[in-house]
């Protein structure tokens, strides 16, 4: 039983430490709901609820860049079909 309690304690401490580091390293523009100081206090005072709340709603999601393999061409010079037709029309002149 002592091992289980120790393991649970270490998990809670690790969760709080990771949340605290993430909170401190997050850009100010991505913070939501509260200022950084309030989040730090919440994470430290409520070692289970604080980190869970931080990870769920404390910061906005990062913008994910679209996958170039599946993205549609941005312009005609990015479209291989257009370039092939252009090359063909230039050869036929």
Protein backbone atom coordinates (compact mmCIF):
# COMPACT_ATOMS: atom_id res chain seq x y z
CA UNK A 1 0.00 0.00 0.00
CA UNK A 2 2.88 2.35 0.75
CA UNK A 3 4.23 1.83 -2.76
CA UNK A 4 0.89 2.74 -4.30
CA UNK A 5 0.65 5.89 -2.18
CA UNK A 6 4.19 6.85 -3.15
CA UNK A 7 3.44 6.24 -6.82
CA UNK A 8 0.26 8.34 -6.69
CA UNK A 9 2.13 11.11 -4.88
CA UNK A 10 4.85 11.12 -7.54
CA UNK A 11 2.26 11.21 -10.34
CA UNK A 12 0.51 14.19 -8.76
CA UNK A 13 3.80 16.03 -8.23
CA UNK A 14 4.93 15.29 -11.80
CA UNK A 15 1.60 16.52 -13.18
CA UNK A 16 1.86 19.74 -11.18
CA UNK A 17 5.49 20.32 -12.22
CA UNK A 18 4.76 19.75 -15.91
CA UNK A 19 1.72 22.04 -15.77
CA UNK A 20 3.69 24.72 -13.94
CA UNK A 21 6.55 24.62 -16.46
CA UNK A 22 4.10 24.67 -19.36
CA UNK A 23 2.27 27.62 -17.81
CA UNK A 24 5.46 29.58 -17.29
CA UNK A 25 6.70 28.91 -20.84
CA UNK A 26 3.42 29.62 -22.63
CA UNK A 27 3.33 32.85 -24.60
CA UNK A 28 1.23 35.59 -23.05
CA UNK A 29 -0.97 35.80 -26.16
CA UNK A 30 -2.05 32.16 -25.73
CA UNK A 31 -3.24 32.48 -22.10
CA UNK A 32 -6.98 32.18 -21.53
CA UNK A 33 -9.35 32.96 -18.67
CA UNK A 34 -6.80 34.18 -16.08
CA UNK A 35 -3.44 35.94 -15.99
CA UNK A 36 -0.31 33.83 -15.59
CA UNK A 37 0.02 34.55 -11.85
CA UNK A 38 -3.48 33.26 -11.16
CA UNK A 39 -2.74 30.07 -13.09
CA UNK A 40 0.46 29.51 -11.13
CA UNK A 41 -1.38 29.93 -7.82
CA UNK A 42 -4.16 27.59 -8.97
CA UNK A 43 -1.67 24.92 -10.09
CA UNK A 44 0.27 25.12 -6.81
CA UNK A 45 -2.74 25.30 -4.47
CA UNK A 46 -4.81 22.58 -6.15
CA UNK A 47 -2.25 19.99 -7.30
CA UNK A 48 -4.78 17.81 -9.13
CA UNK A 49 -7.54 20.18 -10.22
CA UNK A 50 -5.16 23.02 -11.10
CA UNK A 51 -3.05 21.17 -13.68
CA UNK A 52 -6.08 19.43 -15.17
CA UNK A 53 -7.83 22.79 -15.55
CA UNK A 54 -4.69 24.34 -17.05
CA UNK A 55 -4.36 21.62 -19.69
CA UNK A 56 -8.08 21.71 -20.50
CA UNK A 57 -8.72 25.46 -20.71
CA UNK A 58 -5.72 27.53 -19.71
CA UNK A 59 -4.26 28.08 -23.15
CA UNK A 60 -5.38 28.26 -26.72
CA UNK A 61 -4.43 25.56 -29.15
CA UNK A 62 -1.44 26.16 -31.37
CA UNK A 63 -2.14 26.87 -34.99
CA UNK A 64 -1.31 23.77 -36.99
CA UNK A 65 0.28 24.30 -40.37
CA UNK A 66 -1.53 22.48 -43.17
CA UNK A 67 0.10 19.36 -44.55
CA UNK A 68 1.75 20.32 -47.86
CA UNK A 69 0.96 16.91 -49.33
CA UNK A 70 -2.80 17.37 -48.91
CA UNK A 71 -3.09 21.15 -49.23
CA UNK A 72 -4.65 22.62 -52.35
CA UNK A 73 -2.39 24.78 -54.52
CA UNK A 74 -2.20 28.35 -53.29
CA UNK A 75 -1.69 29.85 -56.73
CA UNK A 76 -1.24 28.85 -60.35
CA UNK A 77 2.52 28.51 -60.00
CA UNK A 78 1.96 25.85 -57.29
CA UNK A 79 -0.39 23.77 -59.44
CA UNK A 80 1.52 21.11 -61.41
CA UNK A 81 -1.37 20.62 -63.85
CA UNK A 82 -1.42 24.32 -64.70
CA UNK A 83 2.33 24.36 -65.21
CA UNK A 84 2.13 21.31 -67.49
CA UNK A 85 -0.60 22.95 -69.61
CA UNK A 86 1.40 26.17 -69.76
CA UNK A 87 4.53 24.33 -70.89
CA UNK A 88 2.50 22.47 -73.53
CA UNK A 89 0.97 25.69 -74.84
CA UNK A 90 4.40 27.32 -75.05
CA UNK A 91 5.80 24.34 -77.00
CA UNK A 92 2.91 24.45 -79.48
CA UNK A 93 3.48 28.10 -80.43
